[in-house]
Amino acid sequence: MYQTFIFLHSFFRWFVVLSLLCALLRAMEGYRSGRSFSATDNAVRHWTATIAHIQLVLGIMVYIKSPVVHYFWRNFREAIGIWSITFFALFHFAAMLAAIVLVTIGSALAKRRPGDRAKFRTLFIWFGIALVLIILAIPWPFSPLAQRPYLR
């Protein structure tokens, strides 16, 4: 079962990145062109937040069962000095959780903004910050912090 969560988690993260990119492009184009916030824009906002929340649940399931995280918390004093373990047990989890919080807040604020330009601007700012945080916290294969393949 754990392997299934790992696969879904590593595969689904790309849906989060793609949905955020799509939402950001629509927000930027909508803001610049001055067009109205359409039902499609609202659906993209909603589904981006939903996809992020699904990824959060998958991530929590992987985190709870992770042998790396178990090792970290059982051997905290020695594990805190090993950056690749600390990355997954603390930094990655906290940064991704913060990014999901930003997506959630941005989605809720944009939904309640009275003007169309304000909705696009709010989405662009909050989703943009969340995407930057996600990009920084992904264990890229080339990262000096912790490496993982693009798909496991």
C-alpha atoms as a PDB file:
ATOM      1  CA  MET A   1       0.000   0.000   0.000  1.00  0.00           C
ATOM      2  CA  TYR A   2       2.841   2.404   0.842  1.00  0.00           C
ATOM      3  CA  GLN A   3       4.366   1.897  -2.613  1.00  0.00           C
ATOM      4  CA  THR A   4       1.041   2.851  -4.183  1.00  0.00           C
ATOM      5  CA  PHE A   5       0.976   6.117  -2.224  1.00  0.00           C
ATOM      6  CA  ILE A   6       4.572   6.829  -3.252  1.00  0.00           C
ATOM      7  CA  PHE A   7       3.729   6.291  -6.915  1.00  0.00           C
ATOM      8  CA  LEU A   8       0.564   8.411  -6.770  1.00  0.00           C
ATOM      9  CA  HIS A   9       2.353  11.130  -4.830  1.00  0.00           C
ATOM     10  CA  SER A  10       5.312  11.362  -7.216  1.00  0.00           C
ATOM     11  CA  PHE A  11       3.070  11.158 -10.292  1.00  0.00           C
ATOM     12  CA  PHE A  12       0.376  13.548  -9.041  1.00  0.00           C
ATOM     13  CA  ARG A  13       2.844  16.309  -8.108  1.00  0.00           C
ATOM     14  CA  TRP A  14       3.174  17.119 -11.793  1.00  0.00           C
ATOM     15  CA  PHE A  15      -0.575  17.757 -11.959  1.00  0.00           C
ATOM     16  CA  VAL A  16      -0.139  20.311  -9.184  1.00  0.00           C
ATOM     17  CA  VAL A  17       2.652  22.082 -11.047  1.00  0.00           C
ATOM     18  CA  LEU A  18       0.772  22.004 -14.364  1.00  0.00           C
ATOM     19  CA  SER A  19      -2.492  23.221 -12.860  1.00  0.00           C
ATOM     20  CA  LEU A  20      -0.696  26.083 -11.115  1.00  0.00           C
ATOM     21  CA  LEU A  21       1.053  27.034 -14.354  1.00  0.00           C
ATOM     22  CA  CYS A  22      -2.258  26.949 -16.221  1.00  0.00           C
ATOM     23  CA  ALA A  23      -3.966  29.072 -13.556  1.00  0.00           C
ATOM     24  CA  LEU A  24      -1.076  31.548 -13.540  1.00  0.00           C
ATOM     25  CA  LEU A  25      -1.101  31.931 -17.319  1.00  0.00           C
ATOM     26  CA  ARG A  26      -4.878  32.465 -17.358  1.00  0.00           C
ATOM     27  CA  ALA A  27      -4.611  34.974 -14.494  1.00  0.00           C
ATOM     28  CA  MET A  28      -1.807  36.914 -16.161  1.00  0.00           C
ATOM     29  CA  GLU A  29      -3.585  36.969 -19.531  1.00  0.00           C
ATOM     30  CA  GLY A  30      -6.918  37.901 -17.944  1.00  0.00           C
ATOM     31  CA  TYR A  31      -5.371  40.705 -15.916  1.00  0.00           C
ATOM     32  CA  ARG A  32      -3.429  42.151 -18.857  1.00  0.00           C
ATOM     33  CA  SER A  33      -6.297  41.950 -21.332  1.00  0.00           C
ATOM     34  CA  GLY A  34      -8.926  43.231 -18.900  1.00  0.00           C
ATOM     35  CA  ARG A  35     -11.351  40.459 -19.815  1.00  0.00           C
ATOM     36  CA  SER A  36     -14.035  39.275 -17.441  1.00  0.00           C
ATOM     37  CA  PHE A  37     -13.453  36.433 -14.991  1.00  0.00           C
ATOM     38  CA  SER A  38     -15.278  33.612 -16.751  1.00  0.00           C
ATOM     39  CA  ALA A  39     -16.760  30.344 -15.523  1.00  0.00           C
ATOM     40  CA  THR A  40     -13.717  28.614 -17.036  1.00  0.00           C
ATOM     41  CA  ASP A  41     -11.387  30.845 -14.998  1.00  0.00           C
ATOM     42  CA  ASN A  42     -13.366  30.003 -11.890  1.00  0.00           C
ATOM     43  CA  ALA A  43     -13.206  26.276 -12.713  1.00  0.00           C
ATOM     44  CA  VAL A  44      -9.418  26.494 -13.189  1.00  0.00           C
ATOM     45  CA  ARG A  45      -9.140  28.272  -9.818  1.00  0.00           C
ATOM     46  CA  HIS A  46     -11.281  25.637  -8.137  1.00  0.00           C
ATOM     47  CA  TRP A  47      -9.608  22.605  -9.713  1.00  0.00           C
ATOM     48  CA  THR A  48      -6.125  23.938  -9.042  1.00  0.00           C
ATOM     49  CA  ALA A  49      -6.946  24.170  -5.338  1.00  0.00           C
ATOM     50  CA  THR A  50      -8.632  20.752  -5.405  1.00  0.00           C
ATOM     51  CA  ILE A  51      -5.639  19.105  -7.087  1.00  0.00           C
ATOM     52  CA  ALA A  52      -3.337  20.718  -4.516  1.00  0.00           C
ATOM     53  CA  HIS A  53      -5.492  19.368  -1.687  1.00  0.00           C
ATOM     54  CA  ILE A  54      -5.475  15.857  -3.131  1.00  0.00           C
ATOM     55  CA  GLN A  55      -1.685  16.048  -3.326  1.00  0.00           C
ATOM     56  CA  LEU A  56      -1.594  17.214   0.290  1.00  0.00           C
ATOM     57  CA  VAL A  57      -3.531  14.131   1.427  1.00  0.00           C
ATOM     58  CA  LEU A  58      -1.253  11.837  -0.611  1.00  0.00           C
ATOM     59  CA  GLY A  59       1.791  13.618   0.807  1.00  0.00           C
ATOM     60  CA  ILE A  60       0.606  13.203   4.369  1.00  0.00           C
ATOM     61  CA  MET A  61       0.036   9.485   3.770  1.00  0.00           C
ATOM     62  CA  VAL A  62       3.587   9.100   2.403  1.00  0.00           C
ATOM     63  CA  TYR A  63       5.016  11.216   5.245  1.00  0.00           C
ATOM     64  CA  ILE A  64       3.310   9.162   7.963  1.00  0.00           C
ATOM     65  CA  LYS A  65       4.608   5.861   6.557  1.00  0.00           C
ATOM     66  CA  SER A  66       8.043   7.037   5.402  1.00  0.00           C
ATOM     67  CA  PRO A  67      11.004   5.104   6.851  1.00  0.00           C
ATOM     68  CA  VAL A  68      13.151   8.236   6.409  1.00  0.00           C
ATOM     69  CA  VAL A  69      10.772  10.291   8.543  1.00  0.00           C
ATOM     70  CA  HIS A  70      10.525   7.540  11.153  1.00  0.00           C
ATOM     71  CA  TYR A  71      14.320   7.394  11.332  1.00  0.00           C
ATOM     72  CA  PHE A  72      14.518  11.175  11.650  1.00  0.00           C
ATOM     73  CA  TRP A  73      12.116  11.407  14.574  1.00  0.00           C
ATOM     74  CA  ARG A  74      13.551   8.351  16.384  1.00  0.00           C
ATOM     75  CA  ASN A  75      17.165   9.538  15.987  1.00  0.00           C
ATOM     76  CA  PHE A  76      16.640  13.283  15.946  1.00  0.00           C
ATOM     77  CA  ARG A  77      20.035  14.374  17.337  1.00  0.00           C
ATOM     78  CA  GLU A  78      22.035  12.428  14.780  1.00  0.00           C
ATOM     79  CA  ALA A  79      19.574  12.769  11.864  1.00  0.00           C
ATOM     80  CA  ILE A  80      19.307  16.556  12.093  1.00  0.00           C
ATOM     81  CA  GLY A  81      22.892  16.728  10.871  1.00  0.00           C
ATOM     82  CA  ILE A  82      22.148  14.721   7.718  1.00  0.00           C
ATOM     83  CA  TRP A  83      20.664  17.249   5.310  1.00  0.00           C
ATOM     84  CA  SER A  84      19.037  14.778   2.900  1.00  0.00           C
ATOM     85  CA  ILE A  85      17.058  13.254   5.782  1.00  0.00           C
ATOM     86  CA  THR A  86      16.261  16.626   7.353  1.00  0.00           C
ATOM     87  CA  PHE A  87      15.107  17.888   3.953  1.00  0.00           C
ATOM     88  CA  PHE A  88      12.343  15.281   3.694  1.00  0.00           C
ATOM     89  CA  ALA A  89      11.406  15.163   7.376  1.00  0.00           C
ATOM     90  CA  LEU A  90      11.159  18.925   7.895  1.00  0.00           C
ATOM     91  CA  PHE A  91      11.839  21.283   4.995  1.00  0.00           C
ATOM     92  CA  HIS A  92       9.965  19.523   2.194  1.00  0.00           C
ATOM     93  CA  PHE A  93       6.929  18.824   4.354  1.00  0.00           C
ATOM     94  CA  ALA A  94       6.753  22.359   5.823  1.00  0.00           C
ATOM     95  CA  ALA A  95       7.321  24.094   2.481  1.00  0.00           C
ATOM     96  CA  MET A  96       4.713  22.014   0.658  1.00  0.00           C
ATOM     97  CA  LEU A  97       2.205  22.489   3.458  1.00  0.00           C
ATOM     98  CA  ALA A  98       2.826  26.251   3.326  1.00  0.00           C
ATOM     99  CA  ALA A  99       2.372  26.213  -0.468  1.00  0.00           C
ATOM    100  CA  ILE A 100      -0.985  24.440  -0.147  1.00  0.00           C
ATOM    101  CA  VAL A 101      -2.052  26.991   2.460  1.00  0.00           C
ATOM    102  CA  LEU A 102      -1.109  29.785   0.026  1.00  0.00           C
ATOM    103  CA  VAL A 103      -3.099  28.132  -2.780  1.00  0.00           C
ATOM    104  CA  THR A 104      -6.093  27.742  -0.477  1.00  0.00           C
ATOM    105  CA  ILE A 105      -5.968  31.346   0.731  1.00  0.00           C
ATOM    106  CA  GLY A 106      -5.426  32.680  -2.798  1.00  0.00           C
ATOM    107  CA  SER A 107      -8.323  30.665  -4.150  1.00  0.00           C
ATOM    108  CA  ALA A 108     -10.663  31.789  -1.371  1.00  0.00           C
ATOM    109  CA  LEU A 109      -9.651  35.446  -1.679  1.00  0.00           C
ATOM    110  CA  ALA A 110      -9.953  35.481  -5.465  1.00  0.00           C
ATOM    111  CA  LYS A 111     -13.395  33.921  -5.287  1.00  0.00           C
ATOM    112  CA  ARG A 112     -14.590  36.759  -3.042  1.00  0.00           C
ATOM    113  CA  ARG A 113     -12.993  39.710  -4.860  1.00  0.00           C
ATOM    114  CA  PRO A 114     -15.614  42.043  -6.351  1.00  0.00           C
ATOM    115  CA  GLY A 115     -13.826  42.971  -9.590  1.00  0.00           C
ATOM    116  CA  ASP A 116     -12.513  40.755 -12.360  1.00  0.00           C
ATOM    117  CA  ARG A 117      -9.064  42.374 -12.438  1.00  0.00           C
ATOM    118  CA  ALA A 118      -8.810  41.945  -8.667  1.00  0.00           C
ATOM    119  CA  LYS A 119      -9.644  38.254  -9.005  1.00  0.00           C
ATOM    120  CA  PHE A 120      -6.951  37.710 -11.634  1.00  0.00           C
ATOM    121  CA  ARG A 121      -4.392  39.748  -9.665  1.00  0.00           C
ATOM    122  CA  THR A 122      -5.113  37.840  -6.436  1.00  0.00           C
ATOM    123  CA  LEU A 123      -4.792  34.475  -8.171  1.00  0.00           C
ATOM    124  CA  PHE A 124      -1.561  35.484  -9.853  1.00  0.00           C
ATOM    125  CA  ILE A 125       0.093  36.685  -6.652  1.00  0.00           C
ATOM    126  CA  TRP A 126      -0.945  33.854  -4.310  1.00  0.00           C
ATOM    127  CA  PHE A 127      -0.607  31.014  -6.803  1.00  0.00           C
ATOM    128  CA  GLY A 128       2.699  32.459  -8.035  1.00  0.00           C
ATOM    129  CA  ILE A 129       4.223  32.520  -4.564  1.00  0.00           C
ATOM    130  CA  ALA A 130       2.942  28.986  -3.951  1.00  0.00           C
ATOM    131  CA  LEU A 131       4.478  27.738  -7.218  1.00  0.00           C
ATOM    132  CA  VAL A 132       7.862  29.282  -6.373  1.00  0.00           C
ATOM    133  CA  LEU A 133       7.767  27.592  -2.968  1.00  0.00           C
ATOM    134  CA  ILE A 134       6.840  24.258  -4.559  1.00  0.00           C
ATOM    135  CA  ILE A 135       9.628  24.540  -7.145  1.00  0.00           C
ATOM    136  CA  LEU A 136      12.138  25.217  -4.350  1.00  0.00           C
ATOM    137  CA  ALA A 137      10.920  22.282  -2.242  1.00  0.00           C
ATOM    138  CA  ILE A 138      10.805  19.611  -4.953  1.00  0.00           C
ATOM    139  CA  PRO A 139      13.701  17.140  -4.568  1.00  0.00           C
ATOM    140  CA  TRP A 140      14.952  17.604  -8.131  1.00  0.00           C
ATOM    141  CA  PRO A 141      17.447  15.049  -9.500  1.00  0.00           C
ATOM    142  CA  PHE A 142      20.004  17.877  -9.809  1.00  0.00           C
ATOM    143  CA  SER A 143      19.359  19.469  -6.404  1.00  0.00           C
ATOM    144  CA  PRO A 144      22.246  19.772  -3.927  1.00  0.00           C
ATOM    145  CA  LEU A 145      19.699  19.473  -1.070  1.00  0.00           C
ATOM    146  CA  ALA A 146      18.128  16.087  -1.827  1.00  0.00           C
ATOM    147  CA  GLN A 147      17.782  14.151  -5.046  1.00  0.00           C
ATOM    148  CA  ARG A 148      14.947  12.014  -6.350  1.00  0.00           C
ATOM    149  CA  PRO A 149      14.154  10.937  -9.906  1.00  0.00           C
ATOM    150  CA  TYR A 150      11.397  12.797 -11.765  1.00  0.00           C
ATOM    151  CA  LEU A 151       9.159   9.742 -11.391  1.00  0.00           C
ATOM    152  CA  ARG A 152       9.832   6.902  -8.977  1.00  0.00           C
END
